[in-house]
Amino acid sequence: MNPRDLLAGLIAIDSVNPDLVPGGNGESAVADFCADWFRQHDFEVHRLERRAGRPSLVAVRKGTGGGRSLMLNGHIDTVGTAGYDGDPLKPEIRDGKMFGRGTFDMKGGIAAMMVAAAKATERPLRGDVIVACVADEEHGSFGTEEVLNTFTADAAIVTEPSHLEVTLAHKGFVWFDVEVEGRAAHGSRPELGVDAIVKAGHFLVALENLDLITEHHLLGRGTVHASLISGGEEASTYPSSCRITLERRTVPGETPDHVEAELQHILDHLTATVPDFTATLTRGLARDPFEADQDAEIVRTLIANLGAPPVIRAEPFWTDCALLDRAGIPCLLFGVDGAGAHAATEYVDLASLDRLTDVLTGTITDFCG
């Protein structure tokens, strides 16, 4: 069992997320490939497909009983291939690296956890080994949500790329829409109009000056930025509305309710102090930040299998770790080295792929055995 060969097979299969790229191939073909591989290696295979054409795959090797169960989790969807430098579906090896869409984010992690699970269970273990190859992490993460409706475990490892560093925290995010109201009027009649775009400027300045005080020892402070803005209809008319979409990245200790109250306080202050300022705040998608317990058994077991003092890190982006943690499953993130996630050139360092496979194999054996 060679993770490099398996990765090459995974890369050759188009699994672009169609929620990101309309017409994208989705996860069906790569799920079929993984299912065949797992069946050949004597795993139970469960296909979860609440959304047609968007399957997640869960492979299980049951233990003999009395041991701890471990879930390995990774996503099989990728971002788009347009603009990729070269053939994104033709794995190419140069200078100890494999290039192709998804090599780094994150079919390298998928290949490593599949091979590690098969190697670790060549001899019976007491606990169950569960391998979740999930859909849609690149967009809404409904794949892991669907898996967690049916499966649980005593611990989990998410094999997102981490440069072989032990990742114990990451930021969350909350999206909001702010609708600033104005009053339409002809440009020659300023006494009748209220310029919603100009009024929105007061909010944008306040947003830039927002003091985010919660600080995390690995992640620092949260962030906020205005992502989209729209308003107005024509040059000669006062705009009746202006919509701002913003993203607030959160650190552990910050909740969506906390962030909403923070933004509403700004709007209430502007309503009280700026003439004719009126706005409404609407919360959109929210994902919790994540922080692992460094003393959790799964963390200590993986670190012991590294054989060297670990580099502990945190990530500014969001991962499915937060969903596993919210489901009561202690987890951490540990994955390959490389570069180019979402970029025109993407690669995985092949030595790190082999190293990840070995560390996962030992961790599974120790934790479940």
Protein backbone atom coordinates (compact mmCIF):
# COMPACT_ATOMS: atom_id res chain seq x y z
CA MET A 1 0.00 0.00 0.00
CA ASN A 2 1.61 3.17 -1.21
CA PRO A 3 0.01 6.55 -0.44
CA ARG A 4 1.78 8.12 -3.43
CA ASP A 5 0.10 5.78 -5.90
CA LEU A 6 -3.24 6.22 -4.20
CA LEU A 7 -2.89 10.00 -4.27
CA ALA A 8 -2.12 9.94 -7.99
CA GLY A 9 -5.36 8.04 -8.56
CA LEU A 10 -7.34 10.53 -6.47
CA ILE A 11 -5.86 13.54 -8.26
CA ALA A 12 -6.85 12.14 -11.67
CA ILE A 13 -10.52 12.30 -10.66
CA ASP A 14 -12.28 15.65 -11.04
CA SER A 15 -14.11 16.47 -7.79
CA VAL A 16 -14.61 20.23 -8.09
CA ASN A 17 -17.28 21.46 -5.70
CA PRO A 18 -20.30 22.55 -7.78
CA ASP A 19 -21.41 24.99 -5.09
CA LEU A 20 -18.17 26.87 -5.75
CA VAL A 21 -18.03 26.35 -9.51
CA PRO A 22 -21.39 25.89 -11.26
CA GLY A 23 -21.24 22.68 -13.26
CA GLY A 24 -18.45 21.26 -11.10
CA ASN A 25 -18.14 17.50 -11.17
CA GLY A 26 -18.87 16.97 -7.48
CA GLU A 27 -17.80 14.06 -5.32
CA SER A 28 -19.58 11.04 -6.87
CA ALA A 29 -16.71 9.71 -8.98
CA VAL A 30 -14.06 10.10 -6.28
CA ALA A 31 -16.42 8.55 -3.70
CA ASP A 32 -16.87 5.55 -6.02
CA PHE A 33 -13.08 5.24 -6.31
CA CYS A 34 -12.63 5.35 -2.53
CA ALA A 35 -15.47 2.87 -1.97
CA ASP A 36 -13.87 0.31 -4.31
CA TRP A 37 -10.51 0.77 -2.58
CA PHE A 38 -11.97 0.29 0.90
CA ARG A 39 -13.93 -2.80 -0.12
CA GLN A 40 -10.74 -4.32 -1.51
CA HIS A 41 -9.20 -3.75 1.92
CA ASP A 42 -12.10 -5.35 3.84
CA PHE A 43 -13.75 -2.23 5.27
CA GLU A 44 -17.48 -1.77 5.68
CA VAL A 45 -18.50 1.02 3.32
CA HIS A 46 -21.35 3.45 3.99
CA ARG A 47 -22.38 5.99 1.37
CA LEU A 48 -24.27 9.01 2.68
CA GLU A 49 -25.99 11.09 0.03
CA ARG A 50 -28.67 13.37 1.41
CA ARG A 51 -27.97 15.66 -1.56
CA ALA A 52 -28.03 13.77 -4.83
CA GLY A 53 -24.64 13.70 -6.50
CA ARG A 54 -22.86 14.97 -3.38
CA PRO A 55 -21.93 11.82 -1.43
CA SER A 56 -19.73 11.39 1.61
CA LEU A 57 -18.16 8.02 2.25
CA VAL A 58 -17.58 6.39 5.64
CA ALA A 59 -15.43 3.26 5.83
CA VAL A 60 -15.36 1.26 9.06
CA ARG A 61 -13.11 -1.51 10.32
CA LYS A 62 -14.74 -2.75 13.51
CA GLY A 63 -12.59 -3.70 16.45
CA THR A 64 -12.75 -6.79 18.58
CA GLY A 65 -14.36 -4.84 21.42
CA GLY A 66 -13.43 -2.88 24.50
CA GLY A 67 -11.20 -0.35 22.74
CA ARG A 68 -11.47 3.31 21.82
CA SER A 69 -12.81 4.33 18.42
CA LEU A 70 -11.03 6.84 16.20
CA MET A 71 -12.36 8.80 13.22
CA LEU A 72 -10.07 10.08 10.48
CA ASN A 73 -11.75 12.92 8.58
CA GLY A 74 -10.89 14.63 5.31
CA HIS A 75 -12.71 16.25 2.39
CA ILE A 76 -12.77 14.88 -1.15
CA ASP A 77 -14.04 18.02 -2.88
CA THR A 78 -11.65 20.56 -4.38
CA VAL A 79 -11.80 24.14 -5.54
CA GLY A 80 -11.96 24.90 -9.26
CA THR A 81 -9.37 24.05 -11.89
CA ALA A 82 -9.78 27.10 -14.16
CA GLY A 83 -6.55 29.04 -14.37
CA TYR A 84 -4.46 26.15 -13.06
CA ASP A 85 -0.93 26.17 -14.48
CA GLY A 86 -0.80 22.91 -16.40
CA ASP A 87 -3.15 19.93 -16.32
CA PRO A 88 -4.75 19.96 -12.85
CA LEU A 89 -5.88 16.33 -13.17
CA LYS A 90 -2.55 14.91 -14.32
CA PRO A 91 -0.36 14.24 -11.27
CA GLU A 92 3.23 15.16 -12.01
CA ILE A 93 6.25 14.43 -9.79
CA ARG A 94 9.20 16.82 -9.78
CA ASP A 95 11.88 17.42 -7.16
CA GLY A 96 10.20 15.27 -4.51
CA LYS A 97 6.82 16.95 -4.99
CA MET A 98 3.59 15.85 -6.60
CA PHE A 99 1.71 18.58 -8.46
CA GLY A 100 -2.02 18.68 -9.26
CA ARG A 101 -5.27 20.13 -8.00
CA GLY A 102 -5.96 18.77 -4.52
CA THR A 103 -2.50 17.34 -3.84
CA PHE A 104 -2.14 19.69 -0.87
CA ASP A 105 -5.77 20.57 -0.12
CA MET A 106 -6.44 17.85 0.64
CA LYS A 107 -6.28 14.59 -1.26
CA GLY A 108 -2.81 14.08 0.19
CA GLY A 109 -4.43 13.83 3.61
CA ILE A 110 -7.12 11.53 2.19
CA ALA A 111 -4.53 9.13 0.73
CA ALA A 112 -2.51 9.09 3.94
CA MET A 113 -5.46 8.35 6.21
CA MET A 114 -6.80 5.63 3.90
CA VAL A 115 -3.48 3.80 3.75
CA ALA A 116 -2.81 4.33 7.46
CA ALA A 117 -6.20 2.90 8.41
CA ALA A 118 -5.61 -0.17 6.27
CA LYS A 119 -2.08 -0.72 7.59
CA ALA A 120 -3.04 -0.23 11.23
CA THR A 121 -5.87 -2.77 11.01
CA GLU A 122 -3.89 -5.54 9.35
CA ARG A 123 -3.84 -6.96 12.87
CA PRO A 124 -7.11 -6.75 14.85
CA LEU A 125 -7.51 -3.72 17.10
CA ARG A 126 -9.88 -3.47 20.03
CA GLY A 127 -11.47 -0.21 18.91
CA ASP A 128 -13.26 0.74 15.70
CA VAL A 129 -11.42 2.69 12.99
CA ILE A 130 -13.67 5.04 11.04
CA VAL A 131 -12.52 6.86 7.91
CA ALA A 132 -14.80 9.70 6.77
CA CYS A 133 -14.19 11.04 3.25
CA VAL A 134 -16.57 13.96 3.23
CA ALA A 135 -18.19 16.24 0.68
CA ASP A 136 -18.43 20.02 0.57
CA GLU A 137 -15.84 21.21 3.06
CA GLU A 138 -14.79 23.86 0.57
CA HIS A 139 -18.22 25.48 0.74
CA GLY A 140 -20.70 24.65 3.52
CA SER A 141 -19.40 21.46 5.18
CA PHE A 142 -22.69 19.62 4.90
CA GLY A 143 -20.65 16.42 4.39
CA THR A 144 -19.23 16.26 7.90
CA GLU A 145 -22.57 17.42 9.31
CA GLU A 146 -24.26 14.49 7.56
CA VAL A 147 -21.64 12.03 8.79
CA LEU A 148 -22.07 13.21 12.38
CA ASN A 149 -25.81 12.53 12.19
CA THR A 150 -24.96 8.82 11.96
CA PHE A 151 -21.42 8.24 13.24
CA THR A 152 -19.45 9.21 16.32
CA ALA A 153 -16.10 8.27 17.82
CA ASP A 154 -14.04 8.65 20.97
CA ALA A 155 -11.64 10.96 19.11
CA ALA A 156 -10.87 12.27 15.64
CA ILE A 157 -8.01 13.53 13.48
CA VAL A 158 -8.68 15.90 10.58
CA THR A 159 -5.94 15.55 7.99
CA GLU A 160 -6.11 19.04 6.50
CA PRO A 161 -2.61 20.22 5.49
CA SER A 162 -0.63 21.51 8.47
CA HIS A 163 3.01 21.12 7.35
CA LEU A 164 3.33 18.20 9.80
CA GLU A 165 2.69 20.59 12.68
CA VAL A 166 0.14 19.86 15.39
CA THR A 167 -2.78 22.24 14.93
CA LEU A 168 -4.85 22.73 18.07
CA ALA A 169 -6.97 25.79 17.25
CA HIS A 170 -8.48 27.73 14.39
CA LYS A 171 -10.67 30.75 13.86
CA GLY A 172 -14.38 30.73 13.21
CA PHE A 173 -16.40 33.19 11.18
CA VAL A 174 -19.78 34.89 11.01
CA TRP A 175 -21.27 36.62 7.97
CA PHE A 176 -23.61 39.60 8.26
CA ASP A 177 -25.57 41.86 5.95
CA VAL A 178 -26.06 45.51 6.95
CA GLU A 179 -28.84 47.24 5.03
CA VAL A 180 -28.56 51.02 5.29
CA GLU A 181 -31.75 52.82 4.36
CA GLY A 182 -31.94 56.07 2.42
CA ARG A 183 -34.65 57.92 0.52
CA ALA A 184 -34.72 58.10 -3.26
CA ALA A 185 -34.93 61.52 -4.89
CA HIS A 186 -33.71 63.26 -8.01
CA GLY A 187 -30.19 64.59 -7.69
CA SER A 188 -31.49 68.14 -8.10
CA ARG A 189 -33.70 67.84 -5.01
CA PRO A 190 -31.30 67.17 -2.10
CA GLU A 191 -33.89 68.35 0.41
CA LEU A 192 -35.98 65.28 -0.49
CA GLY A 193 -33.27 62.64 -0.62
CA VAL A 194 -31.21 60.65 1.88
CA ASP A 195 -28.03 59.16 0.40
CA ALA A 196 -27.85 55.59 1.72
CA ILE A 197 -24.32 55.11 0.36
CA VAL A 198 -22.97 58.17 2.16
CA LYS A 199 -24.71 57.07 5.35
CA ALA A 200 -23.12 53.63 4.92
CA GLY A 201 -19.76 55.36 4.97
CA HIS A 202 -20.26 56.19 8.64
CA PHE A 203 -20.66 52.50 9.35
CA LEU A 204 -17.58 51.55 7.33
CA VAL A 205 -15.43 54.04 9.25
CA ALA A 206 -16.77 52.68 12.54
CA LEU A 207 -16.03 49.15 11.34
CA GLU A 208 -12.44 50.09 10.56
CA ASN A 209 -12.06 51.53 14.05
CA LEU A 210 -13.68 48.57 15.83
CA ASP A 211 -11.52 47.52 18.78
CA LEU A 212 -11.42 43.73 19.02
CA ILE A 213 -10.21 43.00 22.52
CA THR A 214 -10.44 39.20 22.87
CA GLU A 215 -6.99 37.71 22.26
CA HIS A 216 -6.02 34.05 21.91
CA HIS A 217 -2.52 32.84 22.74
CA LEU A 218 -2.09 31.10 19.36
CA LEU A 219 -4.46 32.99 17.08
CA GLY A 220 -4.18 36.55 18.30
CA ARG A 221 -7.30 38.67 17.81
CA GLY A 222 -10.26 38.28 15.52
CA THR A 223 -10.69 40.35 12.39
CA VAL A 224 -13.48 42.03 10.46
CA HIS A 225 -13.73 43.19 6.88
CA ALA A 226 -16.38 44.46 4.48
CA SER A 227 -16.58 41.91 1.67
CA LEU A 228 -19.28 43.26 -0.65
CA ILE A 229 -21.12 46.54 -1.11
CA SER A 230 -24.00 47.44 -3.42
CA GLY A 231 -26.41 50.33 -3.73
CA GLY A 232 -27.88 52.94 -6.01
CA GLU A 233 -29.52 52.76 -9.41
CA GLU A 234 -28.27 55.67 -11.51
CA ALA A 235 -26.00 58.67 -11.32
CA SER A 236 -28.79 61.25 -11.01
CA THR A 237 -30.71 59.62 -8.13
CA TYR A 238 -30.13 59.56 -4.39
CA PRO A 239 -29.73 55.86 -3.49
CA SER A 240 -32.55 54.46 -1.38
CA SER A 241 -30.47 51.63 0.08
CA CYS A 242 -26.94 50.34 0.47
CA ARG A 243 -26.10 46.78 1.42
CA ILE A 244 -22.78 45.81 3.00
CA THR A 245 -21.82 42.16 3.47
CA LEU A 246 -19.11 41.66 6.07
CA GLU A 247 -17.18 38.81 7.59
CA ARG A 248 -16.09 38.68 11.20
CA ARG A 249 -13.39 36.10 11.93
CA THR A 250 -13.65 34.91 15.54
CA VAL A 251 -11.27 33.38 18.07
CA PRO A 252 -12.12 30.98 20.89
CA GLY A 253 -14.17 32.86 23.47
CA GLU A 254 -16.12 34.83 20.85
CA THR A 255 -19.60 33.65 19.89
CA PRO A 256 -21.93 34.68 17.03
CA ASP A 257 -24.23 36.29 19.61
CA HIS A 258 -21.29 38.30 20.99
CA VAL A 259 -20.32 39.49 17.53
CA GLU A 260 -23.88 40.39 16.59
CA ALA A 261 -24.24 42.47 19.76
CA GLU A 262 -20.93 44.18 18.98
CA LEU A 263 -22.12 45.23 15.52
CA GLN A 264 -25.59 46.18 16.69
CA HIS A 265 -24.00 48.49 19.26
CA ILE A 266 -22.24 50.33 16.41
CA LEU A 267 -25.49 50.69 14.48
CA ASP A 268 -27.41 51.87 17.54
CA HIS A 269 -24.75 54.51 18.20
CA LEU A 270 -24.89 55.75 14.61
CA THR A 271 -28.69 55.85 14.69
CA ALA A 272 -28.49 58.05 17.77
CA THR A 273 -25.76 60.38 16.52
CA VAL A 274 -25.97 60.60 12.69
CA PRO A 275 -29.01 62.40 11.25
CA ASP A 276 -31.25 60.17 9.11
CA PHE A 277 -29.15 57.06 9.76
CA THR A 278 -31.24 53.86 9.73
CA ALA A 279 -29.91 50.34 9.24
CA THR A 280 -30.79 46.71 9.90
CA LEU A 281 -28.40 43.88 10.72
CA THR A 282 -28.98 40.30 9.48
CA ARG A 283 -26.82 37.35 10.52
CA GLY A 284 -25.87 34.78 7.88
CA LEU A 285 -23.69 31.67 8.05
CA ALA A 286 -21.85 31.20 11.34
CA ARG A 287 -19.10 28.70 12.16
CA ASP A 288 -17.56 28.32 15.60
CA PRO A 289 -13.85 28.69 16.30
CA PHE A 290 -12.04 25.58 17.52
CA GLU A 291 -9.61 24.84 20.32
CA ALA A 292 -8.37 21.39 21.31
CA ASP A 293 -7.44 20.25 24.78
CA GLN A 294 -3.68 19.71 24.60
CA ASP A 295 -3.98 17.07 27.32
CA ALA A 296 -6.59 15.03 25.42
CA GLU A 297 -5.58 11.43 24.88
CA ILE A 298 -5.67 11.69 21.09
CA VAL A 299 -3.38 14.73 21.15
CA ARG A 300 -0.90 13.03 23.46
CA THR A 301 -0.99 9.83 21.40
CA LEU A 302 -0.28 11.58 18.12
CA ILE A 303 2.52 13.67 19.64
CA ALA A 304 4.10 10.51 21.07
CA ASN A 305 4.14 9.04 17.54
CA LEU A 306 5.96 12.06 16.15
CA GLY A 307 9.09 11.01 17.98
CA ALA A 308 10.27 14.62 18.31
CA PRO A 309 9.09 17.74 20.13
CA PRO A 310 6.05 18.97 18.19
CA VAL A 311 5.47 22.36 16.65
CA ILE A 312 2.11 23.54 18.02
CA ARG A 313 0.21 25.87 15.73
CA ALA A 314 -3.17 27.39 14.98
CA GLU A 315 -4.82 28.23 11.67
CA PRO A 316 -6.62 31.42 10.65
CA PHE A 317 -9.00 29.46 8.41
CA TRP A 318 -11.97 27.33 9.45
CA THR A 319 -12.07 23.51 9.29
CA ASP A 320 -14.41 20.65 10.10
CA CYS A 321 -12.59 20.27 13.46
CA ALA A 322 -15.12 22.72 14.87
CA LEU A 323 -18.04 20.46 13.89
CA LEU A 324 -16.40 17.40 15.42
CA ASP A 325 -15.60 19.32 18.60
CA ARG A 326 -19.17 20.62 18.84
CA ALA A 327 -20.37 17.00 18.51
CA GLY A 328 -18.33 16.12 21.61
CA ILE A 329 -15.49 14.37 19.77
CA PRO A 330 -11.99 15.42 20.96
CA CYS A 331 -9.93 16.15 17.86
CA LEU A 332 -6.96 17.89 16.32
CA LEU A 333 -5.65 18.73 12.86
CA PHE A 334 -2.51 17.18 11.42
CA GLY A 335 -1.55 16.94 7.76
CA VAL A 336 0.99 17.16 4.97
CA ASP A 337 3.51 19.78 3.93
CA GLY A 338 3.31 21.55 0.59
CA ALA A 339 1.75 24.66 -0.87
CA GLY A 340 -0.74 26.09 -3.35
CA ALA A 341 -4.16 25.57 -1.80
CA HIS A 342 -6.63 27.35 -4.11
CA ALA A 343 -3.70 28.60 -6.22
CA ALA A 344 -2.58 28.22 -9.83
CA THR A 345 0.12 25.74 -8.81
CA GLU A 346 -0.44 23.20 -6.04
CA TYR A 347 1.82 20.48 -4.71
CA VAL A 348 2.43 18.13 -1.81
CA ASP A 349 5.86 17.29 -0.45
CA LEU A 350 6.01 13.52 -0.93
CA ALA A 351 8.31 12.87 2.04
CA SER A 352 5.70 14.55 4.24
CA LEU A 353 2.99 12.35 2.73
CA ASP A 354 4.95 9.25 3.74
CA ARG A 355 5.65 10.73 7.17
CA LEU A 356 1.98 11.57 7.73
CA THR A 357 1.00 8.02 6.81
CA ASP A 358 3.47 6.57 9.31
CA VAL A 359 2.40 8.89 12.15
CA LEU A 360 -1.27 8.16 11.52
CA THR A 361 -0.62 4.42 11.39
CA GLY A 362 1.11 4.48 14.78
CA THR A 363 -1.51 6.75 16.30
CA ILE A 364 -4.37 4.51 15.17
CA THR A 365 -2.61 1.43 16.51
CA ASP A 366 -1.86 2.99 19.90
CA PHE A 367 -5.21 4.71 20.37
CA CYS A 368 -7.48 1.89 19.20
CA GLY A 369 -5.35 -1.09 20.16
